[in-house]
Amino acid sequence: MILLVLSGILLLTIGGCACVWWAARGGPRWTRAVATATLAAGEVARKAGIKSNSTGSDDS
């Protein structure tokens, strides 16, 4: 079951990256919408990673 979920997440990620690439080259309107959503999700994930890394834990 977890393999199915991870495979779905991987396919969504690859599809989102493909839409970002296609939208940058003048793709149809729906690719620009998907690209915007993909980039926004990436920003949210990046900010969540920064917050979890700035909690003061020192892993080194």
N, C-alpha and C. Protein backbone atom coordinates (compact mmCIF):
# COMPACT_ATOMS: atom_id res chain seq x y z
N MET A 1 0.82 -1.20 0.00
CA MET A 1 0.00 0.00 0.00
C MET A 1 0.87 1.26 0.00
N ILE A 2 1.90 1.25 0.84
CA ILE A 2 2.77 2.43 0.89
C ILE A 2 3.50 2.62 -0.43
N LEU A 3 3.82 1.51 -1.10
CA LEU A 3 4.48 1.60 -2.41
C LEU A 3 3.56 2.27 -3.43
N LEU A 4 2.28 1.98 -3.35
CA LEU A 4 1.31 2.60 -4.25
C LEU A 4 1.21 4.10 -3.99
N VAL A 5 1.19 4.50 -2.75
CA VAL A 5 1.12 5.92 -2.39
C VAL A 5 2.39 6.65 -2.84
N LEU A 6 3.53 6.06 -2.57
CA LEU A 6 4.79 6.70 -2.98
C LEU A 6 4.92 6.77 -4.50
N SER A 7 4.43 5.76 -5.20
CA SER A 7 4.44 5.79 -6.66
C SER A 7 3.55 6.91 -7.18
N GLY A 8 2.40 7.09 -6.55
CA GLY A 8 1.50 8.18 -6.94
C GLY A 8 2.13 9.54 -6.72
N ILE A 9 2.80 9.71 -5.59
CA ILE A 9 3.48 10.98 -5.31
C ILE A 9 4.59 11.22 -6.32
N LEU A 10 5.33 10.18 -6.66
CA LEU A 10 6.39 10.31 -7.65
C LEU A 10 5.83 10.71 -9.02
N LEU A 11 4.74 10.08 -9.43
CA LEU A 11 4.12 10.43 -10.71
C LEU A 11 3.60 11.86 -10.72
N LEU A 12 3.00 12.31 -9.62
CA LEU A 12 2.54 13.69 -9.54
C LEU A 12 3.71 14.67 -9.60
N THR A 13 4.80 14.33 -8.95
CA THR A 13 5.98 15.19 -8.97
C THR A 13 6.58 15.29 -10.37
N ILE A 14 6.72 14.16 -11.03
CA ILE A 14 7.26 14.17 -12.39
C ILE A 14 6.33 14.91 -13.33
N GLY A 15 5.02 14.70 -13.19
CA GLY A 15 4.06 15.41 -14.02
C GLY A 15 4.09 16.91 -13.78
N GLY A 16 4.23 17.31 -12.52
CA GLY A 16 4.33 18.73 -12.20
C GLY A 16 5.57 19.37 -12.78
N CYS A 17 6.69 18.66 -12.70
CA CYS A 17 7.92 19.19 -13.29
C CYS A 17 7.81 19.30 -14.80
N ALA A 18 7.17 18.33 -15.42
CA ALA A 18 6.97 18.39 -16.87
C ALA A 18 6.09 19.58 -17.25
N CYS A 19 5.08 19.87 -16.44
CA CYS A 19 4.22 21.02 -16.72
C CYS A 19 4.97 22.33 -16.53
N VAL A 20 5.84 22.41 -15.54
CA VAL A 20 6.65 23.62 -15.36
C VAL A 20 7.53 23.83 -16.59
N TRP A 21 8.15 22.76 -17.06
CA TRP A 21 9.01 22.84 -18.24
C TRP A 21 8.21 23.25 -19.47
N TRP A 22 7.04 22.63 -19.65
CA TRP A 22 6.21 22.91 -20.81
C TRP A 22 5.65 24.33 -20.76
N ALA A 23 5.21 24.77 -19.60
CA ALA A 23 4.66 26.12 -19.45
C ALA A 23 5.72 27.18 -19.71
N ALA A 24 6.95 26.89 -19.34
CA ALA A 24 8.04 27.85 -19.59
C ALA A 24 8.30 28.02 -21.08
N ARG A 25 7.90 27.05 -21.85
CA ARG A 25 8.09 27.11 -23.30
C ARG A 25 6.82 27.46 -24.04
N GLY A 26 5.84 28.02 -23.33
CA GLY A 26 4.62 28.52 -23.97
C GLY A 26 3.54 27.48 -24.16
N GLY A 27 3.40 26.58 -23.23
CA GLY A 27 2.38 25.54 -23.34
C GLY A 27 0.98 26.10 -23.17
N PRO A 28 -0.02 25.23 -23.24
CA PRO A 28 -1.41 25.67 -23.08
C PRO A 28 -1.69 26.20 -21.67
N ARG A 29 -2.85 26.80 -21.53
CA ARG A 29 -3.20 27.47 -20.27
C ARG A 29 -3.22 26.51 -19.08
N TRP A 30 -3.69 25.28 -19.30
CA TRP A 30 -3.79 24.36 -18.17
C TRP A 30 -2.40 23.99 -17.64
N THR A 31 -1.38 23.99 -18.52
CA THR A 31 -0.04 23.68 -18.02
C THR A 31 0.49 24.81 -17.14
N ARG A 32 0.11 26.04 -17.47
CA ARG A 32 0.53 27.16 -16.62
C ARG A 32 -0.13 27.07 -15.25
N ALA A 33 -1.38 26.62 -15.20
CA ALA A 33 -2.07 26.46 -13.91
C ALA A 33 -1.41 25.37 -13.07
N VAL A 34 -1.11 24.24 -13.71
CA VAL A 34 -0.45 23.15 -12.99
C VAL A 34 0.96 23.55 -12.56
N ALA A 35 1.66 24.29 -13.41
CA ALA A 35 3.01 24.75 -13.08
C ALA A 35 2.98 25.69 -11.88
N THR A 36 2.00 26.57 -11.84
CA THR A 36 1.86 27.49 -10.71
C THR A 36 1.61 26.72 -9.42
N ALA A 37 0.73 25.73 -9.48
CA ALA A 37 0.44 24.91 -8.30
C ALA A 37 1.68 24.12 -7.87
N THR A 38 2.43 23.61 -8.82
CA THR A 38 3.65 22.84 -8.51
C THR A 38 4.69 23.73 -7.84
N LEU A 39 4.89 24.91 -8.38
CA LEU A 39 5.88 25.83 -7.80
C LEU A 39 5.45 26.29 -6.41
N ALA A 40 4.15 26.51 -6.22
CA ALA A 40 3.65 26.91 -4.90
C ALA A 40 3.85 25.78 -3.89
N ALA A 41 3.59 24.55 -4.29
CA ALA A 41 3.80 23.41 -3.39
C ALA A 41 5.28 23.26 -3.05
N GLY A 42 6.15 23.52 -4.00
CA GLY A 42 7.58 23.48 -3.74
C GLY A 42 8.01 24.52 -2.73
N GLU A 43 7.44 25.71 -2.84
CA GLU A 43 7.77 26.78 -1.88
C GLU A 43 7.30 26.41 -0.48
N VAL A 44 6.10 25.83 -0.38
CA VAL A 44 5.57 25.41 0.93
C VAL A 44 6.48 24.35 1.53
N ALA A 45 6.88 23.38 0.71
CA ALA A 45 7.77 22.31 1.20
C ALA A 45 9.12 22.88 1.62
N ARG A 46 9.63 23.83 0.85
CA ARG A 46 10.93 24.43 1.19
C ARG A 46 10.85 25.19 2.50
N LYS A 47 9.78 25.96 2.68
CA LYS A 47 9.64 26.72 3.93
C LYS A 47 9.43 25.79 5.12
N ALA A 48 8.73 24.69 4.93
CA ALA A 48 8.55 23.72 6.01
C ALA A 48 9.89 23.09 6.38
N GLY A 49 10.74 22.85 5.39
CA GLY A 49 12.07 22.29 5.66
C GLY A 49 12.95 23.27 6.38
N ILE A 50 12.84 24.54 6.06
CA ILE A 50 13.64 25.56 6.73
C ILE A 50 13.21 25.67 8.19
N LYS A 51 11.91 25.65 8.44
CA LYS A 51 11.42 25.76 9.81
C LYS A 51 11.85 24.56 10.64
N SER A 52 11.79 23.36 10.06
CA SER A 52 12.17 22.18 10.84
C SER A 52 13.68 22.14 11.07
N ASN A 53 14.46 22.73 10.18
CA ASN A 53 15.91 22.76 10.35
C ASN A 53 16.36 23.86 11.31
N SER A 54 15.52 24.86 11.56
CA SER A 54 15.93 25.97 12.40
C SER A 54 15.44 25.81 13.85
N THR A 55 15.10 24.57 14.25
CA THR A 55 14.60 24.36 15.60
C THR A 55 15.72 24.27 16.62
N GLY A 56 16.94 24.31 16.16
CA GLY A 56 18.05 24.29 17.09
C GLY A 56 18.72 22.95 17.23
N SER A 57 18.24 21.95 16.52
CA SER A 57 18.89 20.64 16.60
C SER A 57 20.17 20.66 15.77
N ASP A 58 21.20 20.11 16.35
CA ASP A 58 22.50 20.07 15.68
C ASP A 58 22.83 18.62 15.41
N ASP A 59 22.73 18.22 14.12
CA ASP A 59 22.97 16.83 13.75
C ASP A 59 24.42 16.52 13.44
N SER A 60 25.29 17.49 13.52
CA SER A 60 26.68 17.24 13.13
C SER A 60 27.54 16.75 14.26
